[in-house]
PDB file of N, CA and C in Angstrom:
ATOM      1  N   UNK A   1       9.762 -14.843   9.746  1.00  0.00           N
ATOM      2  CA  UNK A   1       8.901 -14.124   8.833  1.00  0.00           C
ATOM      3  C   UNK A   1       9.667 -12.959   8.217  1.00  0.00           C
ATOM      4  N   UNK A   2       9.555 -12.800   6.940  1.00  0.00           N
ATOM      5  CA  UNK A   2      10.220 -11.709   6.247  1.00  0.00           C
ATOM      6  C   UNK A   2       9.506 -10.395   6.504  1.00  0.00           C
ATOM      7  N   UNK A   3      10.236  -9.283   6.530  1.00  0.00           N
ATOM      8  CA  UNK A   3       9.579  -7.987   6.727  1.00  0.00           C
ATOM      9  C   UNK A   3       8.709  -7.630   5.522  1.00  0.00           C
ATOM     10  N   UNK A   4       7.606  -6.958   5.793  1.00  0.00           N
ATOM     11  CA  UNK A   4       6.701  -6.530   4.727  1.00  0.00           C
ATOM     12  C   UNK A   4       7.344  -5.377   3.957  1.00  0.00           C
ATOM     13  N   UNK A   5       7.240  -5.414   2.663  1.00  0.00           N
ATOM     14  CA  UNK A   5       7.775  -4.342   1.818  1.00  0.00           C
ATOM     15  C   UNK A   5       6.618  -3.410   1.462  1.00  0.00           C
ATOM     16  N   UNK A   6       6.326  -2.494   2.380  1.00  0.00           N
ATOM     17  CA  UNK A   6       5.184  -1.599   2.220  1.00  0.00           C
ATOM     18  C   UNK A   6       5.311  -0.758   0.959  1.00  0.00           C
ATOM     19  N   UNK A   7       6.532  -0.353   0.623  1.00  0.00           N
ATOM     20  CA  UNK A   7       6.710   0.470  -0.580  1.00  0.00           C
ATOM     21  C   UNK A   7       6.263  -0.277  -1.831  1.00  0.00           C
ATOM     22  N   UNK A   8       6.470  -1.580  -1.871  1.00  0.00           N
ATOM     23  CA  UNK A   8       6.048  -2.357  -3.043  1.00  0.00           C
ATOM     24  C   UNK A   8       4.525  -2.457  -3.120  1.00  0.00           C
ATOM     25  N   UNK A   9       3.874  -2.579  -1.973  1.00  0.00           N
ATOM     26  CA  UNK A   9       2.412  -2.629  -1.974  1.00  0.00           C
ATOM     27  C   UNK A   9       1.826  -1.301  -2.433  1.00  0.00           C
ATOM     28  N   UNK A  10       2.394  -0.199  -1.948  1.00  0.00           N
ATOM     29  CA  UNK A  10       1.917   1.123  -2.361  1.00  0.00           C
ATOM     30  C   UNK A  10       2.177   1.326  -3.848  1.00  0.00           C
ATOM     31  N   UNK A  11       3.335   0.905  -4.316  1.00  0.00           N
ATOM     32  CA  UNK A  11       3.649   1.022  -5.742  1.00  0.00           C
ATOM     33  C   UNK A  11       2.675   0.200  -6.583  1.00  0.00           C
ATOM     34  N   UNK A  12       2.305  -0.985  -6.101  1.00  0.00           N
ATOM     35  CA  UNK A  12       1.300  -1.800  -6.794  1.00  0.00           C
ATOM     36  C   UNK A  12      -0.021  -1.032  -6.906  1.00  0.00           C
ATOM     37  N   UNK A  13      -0.452  -0.413  -5.808  1.00  0.00           N
ATOM     38  CA  UNK A  13      -1.720   0.332  -5.810  1.00  0.00           C
ATOM     39  C   UNK A  13      -1.670   1.501  -6.789  1.00  0.00           C
ATOM     40  N   UNK A  14      -0.547   2.182  -6.832  1.00  0.00           N
ATOM     41  CA  UNK A  14      -0.374   3.274  -7.799  1.00  0.00           C
ATOM     42  C   UNK A  14      -0.421   2.724  -9.217  1.00  0.00           C
ATOM     43  N   UNK A  15       0.216   1.583  -9.425  1.00  0.00           N
ATOM     44  CA  UNK A  15       0.199   0.928 -10.739  1.00  0.00           C
ATOM     45  C   UNK A  15      -1.198   0.488 -11.161  1.00  0.00           C
ATOM     46  N   UNK A  16      -2.066   0.280 -10.174  1.00  0.00           N
ATOM     47  CA  UNK A  16      -3.461  -0.099 -10.455  1.00  0.00           C
ATOM     48  C   UNK A  16      -4.352   1.129 -10.635  1.00  0.00           C
ATOM     49  N   UNK A  17      -3.758   2.301 -10.648  1.00  0.00           N
ATOM     50  CA  UNK A  17      -4.514   3.516 -10.955  1.00  0.00           C
ATOM     51  C   UNK A  17      -4.868   4.412  -9.783  1.00  0.00           C
ATOM     52  N   UNK A  18      -4.451   4.066  -8.577  1.00  0.00           N
ATOM     53  CA  UNK A  18      -4.738   4.917  -7.424  1.00  0.00           C
ATOM     54  C   UNK A  18      -3.682   6.009  -7.299  1.00  0.00           C
ATOM     55  N   UNK A  19      -4.093   7.160  -6.818  1.00  0.00           N
ATOM     56  CA  UNK A  19      -3.138   8.225  -6.511  1.00  0.00           C
ATOM     57  C   UNK A  19      -2.687   8.091  -5.065  1.00  0.00           C
ATOM     58  N   UNK A  20      -1.592   8.748  -4.727  1.00  0.00           N
ATOM     59  CA  UNK A  20      -1.132   8.754  -3.344  1.00  0.00           C
ATOM     60  C   UNK A  20      -2.187   9.376  -2.439  1.00  0.00           C
ATOM     61  N   UNK A  21      -2.873  10.375  -2.911  1.00  0.00           N
ATOM     62  CA  UNK A  21      -3.940  11.023  -2.143  1.00  0.00           C
ATOM     63  C   UNK A  21      -5.065  10.020  -1.849  1.00  0.00           C
ATOM     64  N   UNK A  22      -5.467   9.256  -2.852  1.00  0.00           N
ATOM     65  CA  UNK A  22      -6.529   8.257  -2.669  1.00  0.00           C
ATOM     66  C   UNK A  22      -6.106   7.157  -1.701  1.00  0.00           C
ATOM     67  N   UNK A  23      -4.874   6.712  -1.832  1.00  0.00           N
ATOM     68  CA  UNK A  23      -4.368   5.686  -0.921  1.00  0.00           C
ATOM     69  C   UNK A  23      -4.373   6.225   0.505  1.00  0.00           C
ATOM     70  N   UNK A  24      -3.873   7.436   0.673  1.00  0.00           N
ATOM     71  CA  UNK A  24      -3.843   8.056   2.000  1.00  0.00           C
ATOM     72  C   UNK A  24      -5.228   8.179   2.608  1.00  0.00           C
ATOM     73  N   UNK A  25      -6.187   8.627   1.820  1.00  0.00           N
ATOM     74  CA  UNK A  25      -7.557   8.773   2.318  1.00  0.00           C
ATOM     75  C   UNK A  25      -8.127   7.412   2.732  1.00  0.00           C
ATOM     76  N   UNK A  26      -7.788   6.375   1.996  1.00  0.00           N
ATOM     77  CA  UNK A  26      -8.314   5.042   2.276  1.00  0.00           C
ATOM     78  C   UNK A  26      -7.704   4.416   3.532  1.00  0.00           C
ATOM     79  N   UNK A  27      -6.466   4.770   3.842  1.00  0.00           N
ATOM     80  CA  UNK A  27      -5.787   4.132   4.978  1.00  0.00           C
ATOM     81  C   UNK A  27      -5.529   5.076   6.147  1.00  0.00           C
ATOM     82  N   UNK A  28      -5.952   6.326   6.031  1.00  0.00           N
ATOM     83  CA  UNK A  28      -5.814   7.271   7.140  1.00  0.00           C
ATOM     84  C   UNK A  28      -4.464   7.951   7.244  1.00  0.00           C
ATOM     85  N   UNK A  29      -3.837   8.206   6.097  1.00  0.00           N
ATOM     86  CA  UNK A  29      -2.553   8.891   6.065  1.00  0.00           C
ATOM     87  C   UNK A  29      -2.621  10.101   5.136  1.00  0.00           C
ATOM     88  N   UNK A  30      -1.676  11.004   5.297  1.00  0.00           N
ATOM     89  CA  UNK A  30      -1.550  12.124   4.359  1.00  0.00           C
ATOM     90  C   UNK A  30      -0.877  11.639   3.080  1.00  0.00           C
ATOM     91  N   UNK A  31      -1.011  12.426   2.024  1.00  0.00           N
ATOM     92  CA  UNK A  31      -0.349  12.095   0.763  1.00  0.00           C
ATOM     93  C   UNK A  31       1.154  12.054   0.948  1.00  0.00           C
ATOM     94  N   UNK A  32       1.701  12.952   1.749  1.00  0.00           N
ATOM     95  CA  UNK A  32       3.153  12.969   1.942  1.00  0.00           C
ATOM     96  C   UNK A  32       3.633  11.727   2.699  1.00  0.00           C
ATOM     97  N   UNK A  33       2.824  11.224   3.625  1.00  0.00           N
ATOM     98  CA  UNK A  33       3.185   9.979   4.317  1.00  0.00           C
ATOM     99  C   UNK A  33       3.175   8.795   3.350  1.00  0.00           C
ATOM    100  N   UNK A  34       2.196   8.766   2.458  1.00  0.00           N
ATOM    101  CA  UNK A  34       2.145   7.706   1.442  1.00  0.00           C
ATOM    102  C   UNK A  34       3.361   7.812   0.530  1.00  0.00           C
ATOM    103  N   UNK A  35       3.747   9.019   0.173  1.00  0.00           N
ATOM    104  CA  UNK A  35       4.934   9.223  -0.651  1.00  0.00           C
ATOM    105  C   UNK A  35       6.179   8.694   0.047  1.00  0.00           C
ATOM    106  N   UNK A  36       6.301   8.961   1.344  1.00  0.00           N
ATOM    107  CA  UNK A  36       7.449   8.456   2.105  1.00  0.00           C
ATOM    108  C   UNK A  36       7.493   6.929   2.109  1.00  0.00           C
ATOM    109  N   UNK A  37       6.326   6.305   2.235  1.00  0.00           N
ATOM    110  CA  UNK A  37       6.264   4.837   2.190  1.00  0.00           C
ATOM    111  C   UNK A  37       6.673   4.345   0.804  1.00  0.00           C
ATOM    112  N   UNK A  38       6.126   4.963  -0.233  1.00  0.00           N
ATOM    113  CA  UNK A  38       6.415   4.546  -1.606  1.00  0.00           C
ATOM    114  C   UNK A  38       7.905   4.661  -1.929  1.00  0.00           C
ATOM    115  N   UNK A  39       8.558   5.671  -1.380  1.00  0.00           N
ATOM    116  CA  UNK A  39       9.985   5.875  -1.641  1.00  0.00           C
ATOM    117  C   UNK A  39      10.880   5.068  -0.705  1.00  0.00           C
ATOM    118  N   UNK A  40      10.254   4.323   0.215  1.00  0.00           N
ATOM    119  CA  UNK A  40      11.030   3.494   1.127  1.00  0.00           C
ATOM    120  C   UNK A  40      11.606   4.244   2.307  1.00  0.00           C
ATOM    121  N   UNK A  41      11.195   5.490   2.507  1.00  0.00           N
ATOM    122  CA  UNK A  41      11.706   6.271   3.635  1.00  0.00           C
ATOM    123  C   UNK A  41      11.046   5.864   4.947  1.00  0.00           C
ATOM    124  N   UNK A  42       9.800   5.387   4.869  1.00  0.00           N
ATOM    125  CA  UNK A  42       9.092   4.863   6.030  1.00  0.00           C
ATOM    126  C   UNK A  42       8.974   3.363   5.854  1.00  0.00           C
ATOM    127  N   UNK A  43       9.561   2.617   6.773  1.00  0.00           N
ATOM    128  CA  UNK A  43       9.565   1.158   6.656  1.00  0.00           C
ATOM    129  C   UNK A  43       8.621   0.498   7.651  1.00  0.00           C
ATOM    130  N   UNK A  44       8.327   1.159   8.763  1.00  0.00           N
ATOM    131  CA  UNK A  44       7.426   0.619   9.780  1.00  0.00           C
ATOM    132  C   UNK A  44       6.180   1.497   9.815  1.00  0.00           C
ATOM    133  N   UNK A  45       5.068   0.950   9.350  1.00  0.00           N
ATOM    134  CA  UNK A  45       3.852   1.762   9.237  1.00  0.00           C
ATOM    135  C   UNK A  45       2.903   1.589  10.412  1.00  0.00           C
ATOM    136  N   UNK A  46       3.190   0.680  11.304  1.00  0.00           N
ATOM    137  CA  UNK A  46       2.292   0.432  12.427  1.00  0.00           C
ATOM    138  C   UNK A  46       1.201  -0.562  12.050  1.00  0.00           C
ATOM    139  N   UNK A  47       0.622  -1.180  13.080  1.00  0.00           N
ATOM    140  CA  UNK A  47      -0.316  -2.272  12.854  1.00  0.00           C
ATOM    141  C   UNK A  47      -1.564  -1.835  12.098  1.00  0.00           C
ATOM    142  N   UNK A  48      -2.246  -0.783  12.547  1.00  0.00           N
ATOM    143  CA  UNK A  48      -3.532  -0.428  11.929  1.00  0.00           C
ATOM    144  C   UNK A  48      -3.367   0.055  10.494  1.00  0.00           C
ATOM    145  N   UNK A  49      -2.343   0.851  10.238  1.00  0.00           N
ATOM    146  CA  UNK A  49      -2.097   1.310   8.868  1.00  0.00           C
ATOM    147  C   UNK A  49      -1.678   0.136   7.991  1.00  0.00           C
ATOM    148  N   UNK A  50      -0.836  -0.738   8.525  1.00  0.00           N
ATOM    149  CA  UNK A  50      -0.415  -1.916   7.769  1.00  0.00           C
ATOM    150  C   UNK A  50      -1.598  -2.789   7.387  1.00  0.00           C
ATOM    151  N   UNK A  51      -2.494  -3.015   8.343  1.00  0.00           N
ATOM    152  CA  UNK A  51      -3.688  -3.822   8.056  1.00  0.00           C
ATOM    153  C   UNK A  51      -4.550  -3.151   6.990  1.00  0.00           C
ATOM    154  N   UNK A  52      -4.644  -1.827   7.047  1.00  0.00           N
ATOM    155  CA  UNK A  52      -5.432  -1.089   6.053  1.00  0.00           C
ATOM    156  C   UNK A  52      -4.804  -1.179   4.664  1.00  0.00           C
ATOM    157  N   UNK A  53      -3.482  -1.066   4.594  1.00  0.00           N
ATOM    158  CA  UNK A  53      -2.793  -1.181   3.305  1.00  0.00           C
ATOM    159  C   UNK A  53      -2.974  -2.591   2.736  1.00  0.00           C
ATOM    160  N   UNK A  54      -2.822  -3.602   3.577  1.00  0.00           N
ATOM    161  CA  UNK A  54      -3.007  -4.980   3.111  1.00  0.00           C
ATOM    162  C   UNK A  54      -4.427  -5.206   2.591  1.00  0.00           C
ATOM    163  N   UNK A  55      -5.414  -4.720   3.319  1.00  0.00           N
ATOM    164  CA  UNK A  55      -6.805  -4.877   2.910  1.00  0.00           C
ATOM    165  C   UNK A  55      -7.083  -4.142   1.598  1.00  0.00           C
ATOM    166  N   UNK A  56      -6.594  -2.914   1.499  1.00  0.00           N
ATOM    167  CA  UNK A  56      -6.777  -2.131   0.275  1.00  0.00           C
ATOM    168  C   UNK A  56      -6.091  -2.817  -0.901  1.00  0.00           C
ATOM    169  N   UNK A  57      -4.884  -3.305  -0.681  1.00  0.00           N
ATOM    170  CA  UNK A  57      -4.135  -3.984  -1.740  1.00  0.00           C
ATOM    171  C   UNK A  57      -4.919  -5.196  -2.247  1.00  0.00           C
ATOM    172  N   UNK A  58      -5.432  -5.991  -1.316  1.00  0.00           N
ATOM    173  CA  UNK A  58      -6.174  -7.180  -1.728  1.00  0.00           C
ATOM    174  C   UNK A  58      -7.458  -6.797  -2.459  1.00  0.00           C
ATOM    175  N   UNK A  59      -8.165  -5.781  -1.979  1.00  0.00           N
ATOM    176  CA  UNK A  59      -9.423  -5.407  -2.628  1.00  0.00           C
ATOM    177  C   UNK A  59      -9.199  -4.785  -4.005  1.00  0.00           C
ATOM    178  N   UNK A  60      -8.111  -4.032  -4.169  1.00  0.00           N
ATOM    179  CA  UNK A  60      -7.839  -3.387  -5.459  1.00  0.00           C
ATOM    180  C   UNK A  60      -7.193  -4.320  -6.470  1.00  0.00           C
ATOM    181  N   UNK A  61      -6.368  -5.249  -5.989  1.00  0.00           N
ATOM    182  CA  UNK A  61      -5.682  -6.138  -6.923  1.00  0.00           C
ATOM    183  C   UNK A  61      -6.396  -7.474  -7.064  1.00  0.00           C
ATOM    184  N   UNK A  62      -7.206  -7.829  -6.079  1.00  0.00           N
ATOM    185  CA  UNK A  62      -7.876  -9.117  -6.103  1.00  0.00           C
ATOM    186  C   UNK A  62      -6.938 -10.276  -5.837  1.00  0.00           C
ATOM    187  N   UNK A  63      -5.764  -9.984  -5.347  1.00  0.00           N
ATOM    188  CA  UNK A  63      -4.726 -11.005  -5.128  1.00  0.00           C
ATOM    189  C   UNK A  63      -4.211 -10.952  -3.705  1.00  0.00           C
ATOM    190  N   UNK A  64      -3.716 -12.079  -3.238  1.00  0.00           N
ATOM    191  CA  UNK A  64      -2.999 -12.098  -1.975  1.00  0.00           C
ATOM    192  C   UNK A  64      -1.709 -11.316  -2.156  1.00  0.00           C
ATOM    193  N   UNK A  65      -1.162 -10.835  -1.072  1.00  0.00           N
ATOM    194  CA  UNK A  65       0.057 -10.016  -1.143  1.00  0.00           C
ATOM    195  C   UNK A  65       1.169 -10.731  -1.901  1.00  0.00           C
ATOM    196  N   UNK A  66       1.287 -12.025  -1.754  1.00  0.00           N
ATOM    197  CA  UNK A  66       2.364 -12.753  -2.422  1.00  0.00           C
ATOM    198  C   UNK A  66       2.195 -12.774  -3.941  1.00  0.00           C
ATOM    199  N   UNK A  67       0.951 -12.555  -4.450  1.00  0.00           N
ATOM    200  CA  UNK A  67       0.716 -12.575  -5.899  1.00  0.00           C
ATOM    201  C   UNK A  67       1.032 -11.233  -6.559  1.00  0.00           C
ATOM    202  N   UNK A  68       0.784 -10.135  -5.876  1.00  0.00           N
ATOM    203  CA  UNK A  68       1.082  -8.774  -6.278  1.00  0.00           C
ATOM    204  C   UNK A  68       0.880  -8.468  -7.759  1.00  0.00           C
ATOM    205  N   UNK A  69      -0.356  -8.479  -8.196  1.00  0.00           N
ATOM    206  CA  UNK A  69      -0.693  -8.087  -9.570  1.00  0.00           C
ATOM    207  C   UNK A  69      -2.070  -7.443  -9.579  1.00  0.00           C
ATOM    208  N   UNK A  70      -2.328  -6.585 -10.555  1.00  0.00           N
ATOM    209  CA  UNK A  70      -3.637  -5.943 -10.683  1.00  0.00           C
ATOM    210  C   UNK A  70      -4.676  -6.940 -11.163  1.00  0.00           C
ATOM    211  N   UNK A  71      -5.897  -6.804 -10.637  1.00  0.00           N
ATOM    212  CA  UNK A  71      -6.966  -7.670 -11.133  1.00  0.00           C
ATOM    213  C   UNK A  71      -7.523  -7.055 -12.409  1.00  0.00           C
ATOM    214  N   UNK A  72      -8.080  -7.911 -13.255  1.00  0.00           N
ATOM    215  CA  UNK A  72      -8.611  -7.402 -14.519  1.00  0.00           C
ATOM    216  C   UNK A  72     -10.062  -7.041 -14.400  1.00  0.00           C
TER     217      UNK A  72
END
């Protein structure tokens, strides 16, 4: 299994109009932690945060992680 690219998922969410603050509030992280993920400084986010990011990504984009695009 390939490693998850959390920074790409966070970047997708930002591209869909979310702020780092909003993402953090939704997944239980600070804005600075979300920034670290987005910049690739944090690569291992842990199970619960990872599950929250995946769920948020799917709900905001309407796509599976492999599709990675904003829903219309």
